[in-house]
């Protein structure tokens, strides 16, 4: 088991009973079923489907092919580069 999981388990063991119940209720609500993960193909696809189902994204697009990527042209915009703006604002 990963160290992260072990830390979470130890943290849960230290919680008061009411908070443990609240946490397990939340886990049950958000726990993916094995069938839904397998039908989604991989975790990334599963997460995208959950976001779509909850209305957080409007569509799932397919990745660009190599040909489409080669044809892609960036849009030129004027003004200060965003990276420079961030550096200036942080000073």
Protein backbone atom coordinates (compact mmCIF):
# COMPACT_ATOMS: atom_id res chain seq x y z
CA UNK A 1 0.00 0.00 0.00
CA UNK A 2 1.27 3.49 -0.79
CA UNK A 3 2.56 5.81 1.93
CA UNK A 4 -0.23 8.29 1.11
CA UNK A 5 -2.90 5.68 1.79
CA UNK A 6 -1.24 4.73 5.06
CA UNK A 7 -1.18 8.39 6.17
CA UNK A 8 -4.85 8.82 5.30
CA UNK A 9 -5.75 5.68 7.24
CA UNK A 10 -3.86 6.89 10.33
CA UNK A 11 -5.52 10.31 10.07
CA UNK A 12 -8.97 8.72 9.83
CA UNK A 13 -8.25 6.61 12.91
CA UNK A 14 -7.62 9.81 14.91
CA UNK A 15 -10.93 11.46 13.91
CA UNK A 16 -13.88 11.66 16.29
CA UNK A 17 -16.65 9.11 15.51
CA UNK A 18 -19.03 11.72 14.08
CA UNK A 19 -16.44 12.92 11.59
CA UNK A 20 -15.61 9.33 10.58
CA UNK A 21 -19.29 8.73 9.80
CA UNK A 22 -19.44 11.96 7.79
CA UNK A 23 -16.30 10.96 5.89
CA UNK A 24 -17.57 7.47 5.06
CA UNK A 25 -20.88 8.92 3.90
CA UNK A 26 -18.91 11.17 1.54
CA UNK A 27 -16.81 8.20 0.35
CA UNK A 28 -19.94 6.21 -0.47
CA UNK A 29 -21.34 9.09 -2.50
CA UNK A 30 -18.18 9.58 -4.56
CA UNK A 31 -16.84 6.00 -4.68
CA UNK A 32 -16.58 4.79 -8.28
CA UNK A 33 -17.85 1.30 -8.99
CA UNK A 34 -15.49 -1.24 -10.52
CA UNK A 35 -17.86 -1.64 -13.48
CA UNK A 36 -17.88 2.09 -14.24
CA UNK A 37 -14.08 2.27 -14.16
CA UNK A 38 -13.73 -0.77 -16.40
CA UNK A 39 -16.34 0.53 -18.86
CA UNK A 40 -14.60 3.90 -19.01
CA UNK A 41 -11.37 2.21 -20.11
CA UNK A 42 -8.99 4.16 -17.91
CA UNK A 43 -9.06 6.50 -14.96
CA UNK A 44 -8.70 9.62 -17.13
CA UNK A 45 -11.73 8.71 -19.23
CA UNK A 46 -13.67 7.83 -16.07
CA UNK A 47 -12.91 11.21 -14.51
CA UNK A 48 -13.88 13.05 -17.69
CA UNK A 49 -17.19 11.18 -17.77
CA UNK A 50 -17.89 12.09 -14.13
CA UNK A 51 -17.17 15.77 -14.88
CA UNK A 52 -19.50 15.62 -17.87
CA UNK A 53 -22.25 13.88 -15.87
CA UNK A 54 -22.05 16.56 -13.17
CA UNK A 55 -22.20 19.36 -15.75
CA UNK A 56 -18.74 20.70 -14.95
CA UNK A 57 -17.66 20.30 -18.58
CA UNK A 58 -19.89 20.54 -21.65
CA UNK A 59 -18.23 17.93 -23.87
CA UNK A 60 -15.41 15.41 -24.07
CA UNK A 61 -13.32 16.04 -27.14
CA UNK A 62 -10.95 13.59 -28.75
CA UNK A 63 -7.25 14.48 -28.75
CA UNK A 64 -5.78 15.98 -31.92
CA UNK A 65 -4.14 13.61 -34.34
CA UNK A 66 -0.52 14.24 -35.32
CA UNK A 67 -1.73 15.67 -38.63
CA UNK A 68 -4.14 18.06 -36.91
CA UNK A 69 -1.40 19.07 -34.50
CA UNK A 70 0.96 19.84 -37.38
CA UNK A 71 -1.71 22.03 -39.03
CA UNK A 72 -2.48 23.94 -35.84
CA UNK A 73 -1.53 27.61 -35.96
CA UNK A 74 -1.34 29.71 -32.82
CA UNK A 75 -3.25 32.98 -32.77
CA UNK A 76 -0.98 36.00 -32.55
CA UNK A 77 -2.02 38.50 -29.93
CA UNK A 78 -0.47 41.81 -29.01
CA UNK A 79 0.66 43.05 -25.68
CA UNK A 80 2.94 41.94 -22.93
CA UNK A 81 3.56 38.17 -22.62
CA UNK A 82 1.58 36.63 -19.78
CA UNK A 83 4.73 35.25 -18.14
CA UNK A 84 6.23 38.74 -17.99
CA UNK A 85 2.99 40.17 -16.58
CA UNK A 86 2.97 37.56 -13.80
CA UNK A 87 6.58 38.30 -12.89
CA UNK A 88 5.91 42.05 -12.83
CA UNK A 89 2.77 41.66 -10.68
CA UNK A 90 4.57 39.46 -8.13
CA UNK A 91 7.27 42.03 -7.47
